[in-house]
Amino acid sequence: MEARLLFDEMDIPMMDRNSSHELDDPLAIGDQSEGSAQRNVRGLVVRKATAADYNELADLANLAGGDTLSFIAKGIDPTADARLIYRDMIASPVGLFSYQNCFVAELIGSIVGLANGFPAKAIENERIGIKLTAREEYLEARTRLNDPHSYLLNNIAVDSAYHRRGVGTRLLEAVVEEARQQYFSSITLHVWRTMPMRSRSIKSTNNNFVHPMHVHGGPFEVVAIDGVTLNEGARYQADTVNVGPGQRYDVIWTARKPGKWLVHCHIPHHTANNNVEQQGGGGLMLVLDVK
C-alpha cells in the first residue's frame, strides 16, 4: 500500500489567506512531460462531495478504513456492515464523515478517489456525553496521537486502477488548502508501520533559498526529479535533498518502526517559531505519526 503525500514547502506565510498555491502539474490542461504523463490522469477534477455521492464514497471509505470500523461496529452488532455504516454517515449533513467533510476525485463522471478531513478537535467535541464501547477504548491510543490543534486527514482512498497516477496528490492538495482556509498551520496523518509513503517536496519560486529537506526515521528513495521519473538504476537512497527554486523531488519513504518522525528543513530558523511562518521562515516542518 502506498500513500502519496504533498509536502508543500512554502516560503509565504501559511496563515495568510490571500496567499496562492499554484499546482505544479495540473492534470486537466497544459502539456505534460514524459514523467508526469506516466503518473497523471487527464481530465481529473477534485471537488467537494455532495450527499448524492454517498454510494460511491462508501465503497472507497470502506476500502481505506473498513476493517477498523467493522471492528468497532461488530462489537455492538456482529452482523454490522461497515460499508452501509459509511454510506449513512456520508449521506448525513452532520458528523465527522459527513459529505461536507469530504473531497472527491472525479474522472468523466466517475468517482475514483476520496479524502475525508476535519479539525482534530472535532473528535473530542463529538464525544461529549457519549460513553465509548470497549472496542473504541481499545483504539483510543491512536486517537490520543492526534494534535488537537491540527487538521486531521482522517481517510484517503483511491480506486486501485488509478494508483500512482497523481490522484492521491490532488486530493491531498485539496485537504491542505481546506486546512489553510480554516487557518490551521499543521495536518495530522496517521501512517501504519512498513507502509511506503511517496512524498513530493516543492520549492516555491518567490525567493532564492535552497532548502535541505531532511527526514528522520531512515532514508528514502529518490524516484523522480522535476517531474521526470528516474530509471531504476538511477534511483538513489538519501535522507536529505537540497530543494532549490523551482525544483521538485518525489521520494518514497518506508516507516521502519513506530514513532513520531520529523520531515523538516535543516536551516535552523526554518523550523523555529512554533512551526508558524514568520516573514518567510519557520514553518517547514511535518510530523509523521507511525503506529
C-alpha atoms as a PDB file:
ATOM      1  CA  MET A   1       0.000   0.000   0.000  1.00  0.00           C
ATOM      2  CA  GLU A   2       1.321   3.426  -0.928  1.00  0.00           C
ATOM      3  CA  ALA A   3       0.232   6.813   0.361  1.00  0.00           C
ATOM      4  CA  ARG A   4       1.247   9.703  -1.828  1.00  0.00           C
ATOM      5  CA  LEU A   5       1.737  12.953   0.078  1.00  0.00           C
ATOM      6  CA  LEU A   6       2.459  16.515  -0.958  1.00  0.00           C
ATOM      7  CA  PHE A   7       4.958  18.278   1.291  1.00  0.00           C
ATOM      8  CA  ASP A   8       4.402  21.840   0.126  1.00  0.00           C
ATOM      9  CA  GLU A   9       7.480  23.695   1.331  1.00  0.00           C
ATOM     10  CA  MET A  10       6.066  27.204   1.476  1.00  0.00           C
ATOM     11  CA  ASP A  11       8.069  30.421   1.613  1.00  0.00           C
ATOM     12  CA  ILE A  12       4.991  32.577   2.111  1.00  0.00           C
ATOM     13  CA  PRO A  13       3.043  32.714   5.390  1.00  0.00           C
ATOM     14  CA  MET A  14       0.752  29.714   5.685  1.00  0.00           C
ATOM     15  CA  MET A  15      -1.691  31.743   7.726  1.00  0.00           C
ATOM     16  CA  ASP A  16      -2.106  34.382   5.003  1.00  0.00           C
ATOM     17  CA  ARG A  17      -5.478  33.649   3.491  1.00  0.00           C
ATOM     18  CA  ASN A  18      -4.670  35.677   0.403  1.00  0.00           C
ATOM     19  CA  SER A  19      -1.564  33.686  -0.466  1.00  0.00           C
ATOM     20  CA  SER A  20      -1.904  31.487  -3.540  1.00  0.00           C
ATOM     21  CA  HIS A  21      -0.693  27.934  -4.151  1.00  0.00           C
ATOM     22  CA  GLU A  22      -0.131  27.060  -7.779  1.00  0.00           C
ATOM     23  CA  LEU A  23      -0.439  23.385  -8.642  1.00  0.00           C
ATOM     24  CA  ASP A  24       2.805  22.393 -10.265  1.00  0.00           C
ATOM     25  CA  ASP A  25       1.387  19.904 -12.777  1.00  0.00           C
ATOM     26  CA  PRO A  26      -2.355  20.325 -13.433  1.00  0.00           C
ATOM     27  CA  LEU A  27      -3.961  17.202 -14.765  1.00  0.00           C
ATOM     28  CA  ALA A  28      -6.692  18.675 -16.913  1.00  0.00           C
ATOM     29  CA  ILE A  29      -4.855  21.259 -19.001  1.00  0.00           C
ATOM     30  CA  GLY A  30      -1.472  22.022 -20.471  1.00  0.00           C
ATOM     31  CA  ASP A  31       1.358  19.912 -21.824  1.00  0.00           C
ATOM     32  CA  GLN A  32       2.797  17.107 -19.746  1.00  0.00           C
ATOM     33  CA  SER A  33       6.370  15.921 -19.518  1.00  0.00           C
ATOM     34  CA  GLU A  34       7.104  12.244 -20.081  1.00  0.00           C
ATOM     35  CA  GLY A  35       7.438  11.710 -16.349  1.00  0.00           C
ATOM     36  CA  SER A  36       4.198  13.438 -15.379  1.00  0.00           C
ATOM     37  CA  ALA A  37       2.257  11.753 -18.175  1.00  0.00           C
ATOM     38  CA  GLN A  38       3.082   8.374 -16.640  1.00  0.00           C
ATOM     39  CA  ARG A  39       1.621   9.463 -13.305  1.00  0.00           C
ATOM     40  CA  ASN A  40      -1.261  11.791 -14.037  1.00  0.00           C
ATOM     41  CA  VAL A  41      -4.799  11.347 -15.295  1.00  0.00           C
ATOM     42  CA  ARG A  42      -6.033  13.933 -17.776  1.00  0.00           C
ATOM     43  CA  GLY A  43      -9.427  15.437 -17.036  1.00  0.00           C
ATOM     44  CA  LEU A  44      -9.396  14.664 -13.311  1.00  0.00           C
ATOM     45  CA  VAL A  45     -11.475  17.049 -11.202  1.00  0.00           C
ATOM     46  CA  VAL A  46     -11.263  17.343  -7.417  1.00  0.00           C
ATOM     47  CA  ARG A  47     -14.325  18.876  -5.782  1.00  0.00           C
ATOM     48  CA  LYS A  48     -16.279  18.993  -2.550  1.00  0.00           C
ATOM     49  CA  ALA A  49     -18.541  15.990  -2.088  1.00  0.00           C
ATOM     50  CA  THR A  50     -22.330  16.172  -2.165  1.00  0.00           C
ATOM     51  CA  ALA A  51     -24.949  13.996  -0.470  1.00  0.00           C
ATOM     52  CA  ALA A  52     -25.599  12.308  -3.825  1.00  0.00           C
ATOM     53  CA  ASP A  53     -22.080  10.831  -3.801  1.00  0.00           C
ATOM     54  CA  TYR A  54     -22.696   8.640  -0.769  1.00  0.00           C
ATOM     55  CA  ASN A  55     -22.820   5.243  -2.502  1.00  0.00           C
ATOM     56  CA  GLU A  56     -19.521   5.543  -4.389  1.00  0.00           C
ATOM     57  CA  LEU A  57     -17.798   7.236  -1.454  1.00  0.00           C
ATOM     58  CA  ALA A  58     -18.910   4.440   0.886  1.00  0.00           C
ATOM     59  CA  ASP A  59     -17.043   1.907  -1.263  1.00  0.00           C
ATOM     60  CA  LEU A  60     -13.845   3.984  -1.143  1.00  0.00           C
ATOM     61  CA  ALA A  61     -14.153   4.752   2.577  1.00  0.00           C
ATOM     62  CA  ASN A  62     -14.642   1.069   3.307  1.00  0.00           C
ATOM     63  CA  LEU A  63     -11.570   0.268   1.201  1.00  0.00           C
ATOM     64  CA  ALA A  64      -9.431   2.595   3.336  1.00  0.00           C
ATOM     65  CA  GLY A  65     -10.882   2.095   6.805  1.00  0.00           C
ATOM     66  CA  GLY A  66     -13.440  -0.686   6.721  1.00  0.00           C
ATOM     67  CA  ASP A  67     -11.529  -3.079   8.947  1.00  0.00           C
ATOM     68  CA  THR A  68     -11.330  -0.521  11.763  1.00  0.00           C
ATOM     69  CA  LEU A  69     -14.982   0.492  11.513  1.00  0.00           C
ATOM     70  CA  SER A  70     -16.064  -3.143  11.242  1.00  0.00           C
ATOM     71  CA  PHE A  71     -14.054  -3.988  14.371  1.00  0.00           C
ATOM     72  CA  ILE A  72     -15.881  -1.266  16.323  1.00  0.00           C
ATOM     73  CA  ALA A  73     -19.354  -1.933  14.904  1.00  0.00           C
ATOM     74  CA  LYS A  74     -19.276  -5.709  15.297  1.00  0.00           C
ATOM     75  CA  GLY A  75     -18.565  -5.268  18.986  1.00  0.00           C
ATOM     76  CA  ILE A  76     -22.112  -3.887  19.138  1.00  0.00           C
ATOM     77  CA  ASP A  77     -23.779  -5.927  16.379  1.00  0.00           C
ATOM     78  CA  PRO A  78     -21.960  -8.966  14.925  1.00  0.00           C
ATOM     79  CA  THR A  79     -23.924  -8.582  11.665  1.00  0.00           C
ATOM     80  CA  ALA A  80     -22.911  -4.943  11.133  1.00  0.00           C
ATOM     81  CA  ASP A  81     -21.820  -3.962   7.605  1.00  0.00           C
ATOM     82  CA  ALA A  82     -19.098  -1.290   7.597  1.00  0.00           C
ATOM     83  CA  ARG A  83     -19.957  -0.157   4.079  1.00  0.00           C
ATOM     84  CA  LEU A  84     -23.572   0.531   4.998  1.00  0.00           C
ATOM     85  CA  ILE A  85     -22.459   2.470   8.062  1.00  0.00           C
ATOM     86  CA  TYR A  86     -20.137   4.587   5.909  1.00  0.00           C
ATOM     87  CA  ARG A  87     -22.987   5.177   3.465  1.00  0.00           C
ATOM     88  CA  ASP A  88     -25.257   6.540   6.189  1.00  0.00           C
ATOM     89  CA  MET A  89     -22.508   8.701   7.718  1.00  0.00           C
ATOM     90  CA  ILE A  90     -21.531  10.215   4.372  1.00  0.00           C
ATOM     91  CA  ALA A  91     -25.138  10.959   3.378  1.00  0.00           C
ATOM     92  CA  SER A  92     -25.707  12.900   6.605  1.00  0.00           C
ATOM     93  CA  PRO A  93     -25.221  16.704   6.638  1.00  0.00           C
ATOM     94  CA  VAL A  94     -23.576  16.457  10.075  1.00  0.00           C
ATOM     95  CA  GLY A  95     -20.890  14.265  11.619  1.00  0.00           C
ATOM     96  CA  LEU A  96     -17.189  13.631  11.098  1.00  0.00           C
ATOM     97  CA  PHE A  97     -17.684  11.563   7.943  1.00  0.00           C
ATOM     98  CA  SER A  98     -20.419  13.764   6.515  1.00  0.00           C
ATOM     99  CA  TYR A  99     -20.129  14.557   2.821  1.00  0.00           C
ATOM    100  CA  GLN A 100     -19.471  18.116   3.965  1.00  0.00           C
ATOM    101  CA  ASN A 101     -16.066  16.966   5.262  1.00  0.00           C
ATOM    102  CA  CYS A 102     -15.164  15.046   2.094  1.00  0.00           C
ATOM    103  CA  PHE A 103     -13.445  15.752  -1.206  1.00  0.00           C
ATOM    104  CA  VAL A 104     -13.896  13.549  -4.254  1.00  0.00           C
ATOM    105  CA  ALA A 105     -11.684  12.939  -7.274  1.00  0.00           C
ATOM    106  CA  GLU A 106     -13.888  12.556 -10.330  1.00  0.00           C
ATOM    107  CA  LEU A 107     -12.987  11.438 -13.841  1.00  0.00           C
ATOM    108  CA  ILE A 108     -15.549  11.648 -16.656  1.00  0.00           C
ATOM    109  CA  GLY A 109     -18.426  11.393 -14.204  1.00  0.00           C
ATOM    110  CA  SER A 110     -16.974   8.527 -12.161  1.00  0.00           C
ATOM    111  CA  ILE A 111     -15.610   8.959  -8.634  1.00  0.00           C
ATOM    112  CA  VAL A 112     -12.117   7.463  -8.350  1.00  0.00           C
ATOM    113  CA  GLY A 113     -10.887   8.934  -5.055  1.00  0.00           C
ATOM    114  CA  LEU A 114     -11.956  10.204  -1.644  1.00  0.00           C
ATOM    115  CA  ALA A 115     -10.423  12.295   1.123  1.00  0.00           C
ATOM    116  CA  ASN A 116     -12.085  12.943   4.472  1.00  0.00           C
ATOM    117  CA  GLY A 117     -10.709  15.592   6.824  1.00  0.00           C
ATOM    118  CA  PHE A 118     -11.764  17.883   9.647  1.00  0.00           C
ATOM    119  CA  PRO A 119     -10.333  19.726  12.673  1.00  0.00           C
ATOM    120  CA  ALA A 120      -8.868  17.090  15.014  1.00  0.00           C
ATOM    121  CA  LYS A 121     -10.624  18.743  17.951  1.00  0.00           C
ATOM    122  CA  ALA A 122     -13.967  17.749  16.389  1.00  0.00           C
ATOM    123  CA  ILE A 123     -13.490  14.145  17.557  1.00  0.00           C
ATOM    124  CA  GLU A 124     -13.395  15.258  21.170  1.00  0.00           C
ATOM    125  CA  ASN A 125     -16.349  17.598  20.663  1.00  0.00           C
ATOM    126  CA  GLU A 126     -18.472  14.855  19.080  1.00  0.00           C
ATOM    127  CA  ARG A 127     -17.843  12.510  22.010  1.00  0.00           C
ATOM    128  CA  ILE A 128     -19.133  14.851  24.714  1.00  0.00           C
ATOM    129  CA  GLY A 129     -21.621  12.926  26.840  1.00  0.00           C
ATOM    130  CA  ILE A 130     -21.007   9.630  24.988  1.00  0.00           C
ATOM    131  CA  LYS A 131     -19.599   6.527  26.676  1.00  0.00           C
ATOM    132  CA  LEU A 132     -17.089   4.702  24.470  1.00  0.00           C
ATOM    133  CA  THR A 133     -17.509   0.996  23.805  1.00  0.00           C
ATOM    134  CA  ALA A 134     -14.808  -1.454  24.880  1.00  0.00           C
ATOM    135  CA  ARG A 135     -13.501  -1.654  21.313  1.00  0.00           C
ATOM    136  CA  GLU A 136     -13.426   2.121  20.953  1.00  0.00           C
ATOM    137  CA  GLU A 137     -11.476   2.295  24.197  1.00  0.00           C
ATOM    138  CA  TYR A 138      -9.043  -0.246  22.750  1.00  0.00           C
ATOM    139  CA  LEU A 139      -8.378   2.061  19.786  1.00  0.00           C
ATOM    140  CA  GLU A 140      -8.239   5.223  21.884  1.00  0.00           C
ATOM    141  CA  ALA A 141      -4.422   5.226  21.942  1.00  0.00           C
ATOM    142  CA  ARG A 142      -4.478   6.062  18.224  1.00  0.00           C
ATOM    143  CA  THR A 143      -6.829   8.985  18.751  1.00  0.00           C
ATOM    144  CA  ARG A 144      -4.599  10.365  21.505  1.00  0.00           C
ATOM    145  CA  LEU A 145      -1.798  10.684  18.944  1.00  0.00           C
ATOM    146  CA  ASN A 146      -3.756  13.457  17.215  1.00  0.00           C
ATOM    147  CA  ASP A 147      -2.554  17.004  17.684  1.00  0.00           C
ATOM    148  CA  PRO A 148      -5.816  18.649  18.835  1.00  0.00           C
ATOM    149  CA  HIS A 149      -4.726  21.934  17.266  1.00  0.00           C
ATOM    150  CA  SER A 150      -4.207  20.372  13.830  1.00  0.00           C
ATOM    151  CA  TYR A 151      -6.398  19.498  10.890  1.00  0.00           C
ATOM    152  CA  LEU A 152      -6.860  15.712  10.654  1.00  0.00           C
ATOM    153  CA  LEU A 153      -6.674  13.831   7.354  1.00  0.00           C
ATOM    154  CA  ASN A 154      -8.874  11.006   8.562  1.00  0.00           C
ATOM    155  CA  ASN A 155      -9.286   8.879   5.446  1.00  0.00           C
ATOM    156  CA  ILE A 156      -7.912   8.911   1.898  1.00  0.00           C
ATOM    157  CA  ALA A 157      -8.544   6.258  -0.744  1.00  0.00           C
ATOM    158  CA  VAL A 158      -8.016   5.896  -4.486  1.00  0.00           C
ATOM    159  CA  ASP A 159      -9.504   3.304  -6.817  1.00  0.00           C
ATOM    160  CA  SER A 160      -6.801   0.695  -7.450  1.00  0.00           C
ATOM    161  CA  ALA A 161      -6.947   1.338 -11.206  1.00  0.00           C
ATOM    162  CA  TYR A 162      -5.640   4.866 -10.584  1.00  0.00           C
ATOM    163  CA  HIS A 163      -2.858   4.225  -8.070  1.00  0.00           C
ATOM    164  CA  ARG A 164       0.414   6.144  -8.641  1.00  0.00           C
ATOM    165  CA  ARG A 165      -1.173   8.466 -11.180  1.00  0.00           C
ATOM    166  CA  GLY A 166      -1.442  11.652  -9.146  1.00  0.00           C
ATOM    167  CA  VAL A 167      -4.987  11.202  -7.816  1.00  0.00           C
ATOM    168  CA  GLY A 168      -3.937  10.956  -4.169  1.00  0.00           C
ATOM    169  CA  THR A 169      -1.723  14.014  -4.569  1.00  0.00           C
ATOM    170  CA  ARG A 170      -4.584  16.094  -5.934  1.00  0.00           C
ATOM    171  CA  LEU A 171      -6.841  15.009  -3.076  1.00  0.00           C
ATOM    172  CA  LEU A 172      -4.187  15.872  -0.529  1.00  0.00           C
ATOM    173  CA  GLU A 173      -3.686  19.274  -2.128  1.00  0.00           C
ATOM    174  CA  ALA A 174      -7.407  19.934  -1.634  1.00  0.00           C
ATOM    175  CA  VAL A 175      -7.202  18.917   2.034  1.00  0.00           C
ATOM    176  CA  VAL A 176      -4.127  21.118   2.580  1.00  0.00           C
ATOM    177  CA  GLU A 177      -5.912  24.098   1.023  1.00  0.00           C
ATOM    178  CA  GLU A 178      -9.001  23.458   3.162  1.00  0.00           C
ATOM    179  CA  ALA A 179      -6.809  23.409   6.288  1.00  0.00           C
ATOM    180  CA  ARG A 180      -5.257  26.712   5.226  1.00  0.00           C
ATOM    181  CA  GLN A 181      -8.648  28.277   4.636  1.00  0.00           C
ATOM    182  CA  GLN A 182      -9.601  27.294   8.192  1.00  0.00           C
ATOM    183  CA  TYR A 183      -6.320  28.799   9.491  1.00  0.00           C
ATOM    184  CA  PHE A 184      -4.664  25.550  10.574  1.00  0.00           C
ATOM    185  CA  SER A 185      -0.867  25.500  10.495  1.00  0.00           C
ATOM    186  CA  SER A 186      -0.461  21.698  10.595  1.00  0.00           C
ATOM    187  CA  ILE A 187      -2.111  18.478   9.435  1.00  0.00           C
ATOM    188  CA  THR A 188      -2.165  15.134  11.255  1.00  0.00           C
ATOM    189  CA  LEU A 189      -1.978  11.949   9.195  1.00  0.00           C
ATOM    190  CA  HIS A 190      -1.605   8.501  10.745  1.00  0.00           C
ATOM    191  CA  VAL A 191       0.709   6.069   8.964  1.00  0.00           C
ATOM    192  CA  TRP A 192       0.950   2.344   9.546  1.00  0.00           C
ATOM    193  CA  ARG A 193       4.406   0.907  10.102  1.00  0.00           C
ATOM    194  CA  THR A 194       6.037  -0.611   6.944  1.00  0.00           C
ATOM    195  CA  MET A 195       3.674   1.381   4.691  1.00  0.00           C
ATOM    196  CA  PRO A 196       5.679   3.052   1.892  1.00  0.00           C
ATOM    197  CA  MET A 197       4.919   6.749   1.531  1.00  0.00           C
ATOM    198  CA  ARG A 198       5.556   8.737  -1.608  1.00  0.00           C
ATOM    199  CA  SER A 199       6.167  12.402  -0.876  1.00  0.00           C
ATOM    200  CA  ARG A 200       6.902  15.422  -3.016  1.00  0.00           C
ATOM    201  CA  SER A 201       8.965  18.398  -1.891  1.00  0.00           C
ATOM    202  CA  ILE A 202       8.287  21.529  -3.909  1.00  0.00           C
ATOM    203  CA  LYS A 203      10.347  24.709  -3.766  1.00  0.00           C
ATOM    204  CA  SER A 204       8.269  27.813  -4.366  1.00  0.00           C
ATOM    205  CA  THR A 205       9.856  30.443  -6.565  1.00  0.00           C
ATOM    206  CA  ASN A 206       9.368  33.662  -4.606  1.00  0.00           C
ATOM    207  CA  ASN A 207      12.939  33.789  -3.242  1.00  0.00           C
ATOM    208  CA  ASN A 208      16.359  32.246  -3.840  1.00  0.00           C
ATOM    209  CA  PHE A 209      16.523  29.915  -0.813  1.00  0.00           C
ATOM    210  CA  VAL A 210      17.806  26.359  -1.202  1.00  0.00           C
ATOM    211  CA  HIS A 211      16.174  24.174   1.451  1.00  0.00           C
ATOM    212  CA  PRO A 212      17.897  20.968   2.653  1.00  0.00           C
ATOM    213  CA  MET A 213      14.776  18.879   3.341  1.00  0.00           C
ATOM    214  CA  HIS A 214      15.548  16.037   5.761  1.00  0.00           C
ATOM    215  CA  VAL A 215      13.546  13.081   7.094  1.00  0.00           C
ATOM    216  CA  HIS A 216      14.102  11.224  10.364  1.00  0.00           C
ATOM    217  CA  GLY A 217      13.490   7.511  10.877  1.00  0.00           C
ATOM    218  CA  GLY A 218      15.515   6.132   7.982  1.00  0.00           C
ATOM    219  CA  PRO A 219      16.432   7.071   4.408  1.00  0.00           C
ATOM    220  CA  PHE A 220      14.112   7.497   1.450  1.00  0.00           C
ATOM    221  CA  GLU A 221      14.492   6.601  -2.218  1.00  0.00           C
ATOM    222  CA  VAL A 222      14.547   9.426  -4.775  1.00  0.00           C
ATOM    223  CA  VAL A 223      12.337   8.249  -7.674  1.00  0.00           C
ATOM    224  CA  ALA A 224      11.701  11.433  -9.685  1.00  0.00           C
ATOM    225  CA  ILE A 225      13.223  14.894 -10.094  1.00  0.00           C
ATOM    226  CA  ASP A 226      11.374  17.861 -11.586  1.00  0.00           C
ATOM    227  CA  GLY A 227       8.573  15.656 -12.876  1.00  0.00           C
ATOM    228  CA  VAL A 228      10.849  13.162 -14.634  1.00  0.00           C
ATOM    229  CA  THR A 229      10.700   9.597 -13.313  1.00  0.00           C
ATOM    230  CA  LEU A 230      14.171   8.139 -12.762  1.00  0.00           C
ATOM    231  CA  ASN A 231      15.090   4.780 -14.240  1.00  0.00           C
ATOM    232  CA  GLU A 232      15.545   2.027 -11.674  1.00  0.00           C
ATOM    233  CA  GLY A 233      19.336   2.227 -11.944  1.00  0.00           C
ATOM    234  CA  ALA A 234      19.352   5.994 -11.426  1.00  0.00           C
ATOM    235  CA  ARG A 235      17.319   5.993  -8.220  1.00  0.00           C
ATOM    236  CA  TYR A 236      19.241   6.506  -5.002  1.00  0.00           C
ATOM    237  CA  GLN A 237      18.911   6.461  -1.221  1.00  0.00           C
ATOM    238  CA  ALA A 238      19.270   9.628   0.848  1.00  0.00           C
ATOM    239  CA  ASP A 239      17.946  11.252   3.990  1.00  0.00           C
ATOM    240  CA  THR A 240      18.279  14.854   2.734  1.00  0.00           C
ATOM    241  CA  VAL A 241      17.663  16.580  -0.603  1.00  0.00           C
ATOM    242  CA  ASN A 242      18.559  20.190  -1.414  1.00  0.00           C
ATOM    243  CA  VAL A 243      15.453  21.719  -2.968  1.00  0.00           C
ATOM    244  CA  GLY A 244      16.238  24.866  -4.939  1.00  0.00           C
ATOM    245  CA  PRO A 245      13.993  27.450  -6.622  1.00  0.00           C
ATOM    246  CA  GLY A 246      11.507  25.751  -8.915  1.00  0.00           C
ATOM    247  CA  GLN A 247      12.731  22.248  -8.098  1.00  0.00           C
ATOM    248  CA  ARG A 248      10.653  19.190  -7.227  1.00  0.00           C
ATOM    249  CA  TYR A 249      11.631  15.834  -5.744  1.00  0.00           C
ATOM    250  CA  ASP A 250       9.491  12.698  -5.460  1.00  0.00           C
ATOM    251  CA  VAL A 251      10.710  10.262  -2.819  1.00  0.00           C
ATOM    252  CA  ILE A 252       9.444   7.007  -1.317  1.00  0.00           C
ATOM    253  CA  TRP A 253       9.963   6.555   2.418  1.00  0.00           C
ATOM    254  CA  THR A 254       9.075   3.374   4.296  1.00  0.00           C
ATOM    255  CA  ALA A 255       8.374   3.581   8.014  1.00  0.00           C
ATOM    256  CA  ARG A 256      10.678   1.201   9.862  1.00  0.00           C
ATOM    257  CA  LYS A 257       9.312   1.442  13.386  1.00  0.00           C
ATOM    258  CA  PRO A 258       6.614   3.303  15.335  1.00  0.00           C
ATOM    259  CA  GLY A 259       7.257   6.837  16.488  1.00  0.00           C
ATOM    260  CA  LYS A 260       6.917  10.472  15.520  1.00  0.00           C
ATOM    261  CA  TRP A 261       9.325  11.254  12.681  1.00  0.00           C
ATOM    262  CA  LEU A 262      10.114  14.760  11.507  1.00  0.00           C
ATOM    263  CA  VAL A 263      10.340  15.960   7.931  1.00  0.00           C
ATOM    264  CA  HIS A 264      11.921  19.397   8.072  1.00  0.00           C
ATOM    265  CA  CYS A 265      14.332  21.920   6.624  1.00  0.00           C
ATOM    266  CA  HIS A 266      17.859  21.723   8.072  1.00  0.00           C
ATOM    267  CA  ILE A 267      18.163  25.524   8.199  1.00  0.00           C
ATOM    268  CA  PRO A 268      17.549  26.160  11.933  1.00  0.00           C
ATOM    269  CA  HIS A 269      15.348  29.243  11.723  1.00  0.00           C
ATOM    270  CA  HIS A 270      13.121  27.481   9.180  1.00  0.00           C
ATOM    271  CA  THR A 271      11.946  25.040  11.836  1.00  0.00           C
ATOM    272  CA  ALA A 272      11.519  27.505  14.703  1.00  0.00           C
ATOM    273  CA  ASN A 273       8.659  29.866  15.604  1.00  0.00           C
ATOM    274  CA  ASN A 274       6.410  27.051  16.835  1.00  0.00           C
ATOM    275  CA  ASN A 275       6.130  25.809  13.231  1.00  0.00           C
ATOM    276  CA  VAL A 276       4.446  29.052  12.143  1.00  0.00           C
ATOM    277  CA  GLU A 277       5.793  31.064   9.224  1.00  0.00           C
ATOM    278  CA  GLN A 278       7.400  34.363  10.195  1.00  0.00           C
ATOM    279  CA  GLN A 279       8.426  36.540   7.245  1.00  0.00           C
ATOM    280  CA  GLY A 280       9.323  33.591   5.057  1.00  0.00           C
ATOM    281  CA  GLY A 281      10.882  31.228   7.621  1.00  0.00           C
ATOM    282  CA  GLY A 282       9.855  28.902  10.384  1.00  0.00           C
ATOM    283  CA  GLY A 283       7.121  26.588   9.161  1.00  0.00           C
ATOM    284  CA  LEU A 284       8.950  23.982   7.114  1.00  0.00           C
ATOM    285  CA  MET A 285       8.176  21.003   9.316  1.00  0.00           C
ATOM    286  CA  LEU A 286       5.908  17.951   9.138  1.00  0.00           C
ATOM    287  CA  VAL A 287       5.436  15.217  11.762  1.00  0.00           C
ATOM    288  CA  LEU A 288       4.723  11.660  10.581  1.00  0.00           C
ATOM    289  CA  ASP A 289       2.956   9.604  13.276  1.00  0.00           C
ATOM    290  CA  VAL A 290       3.790   5.938  12.651  1.00  0.00           C
ATOM    291  CA  LYS A 291       1.853   3.293  14.555  1.00  0.00           C
END
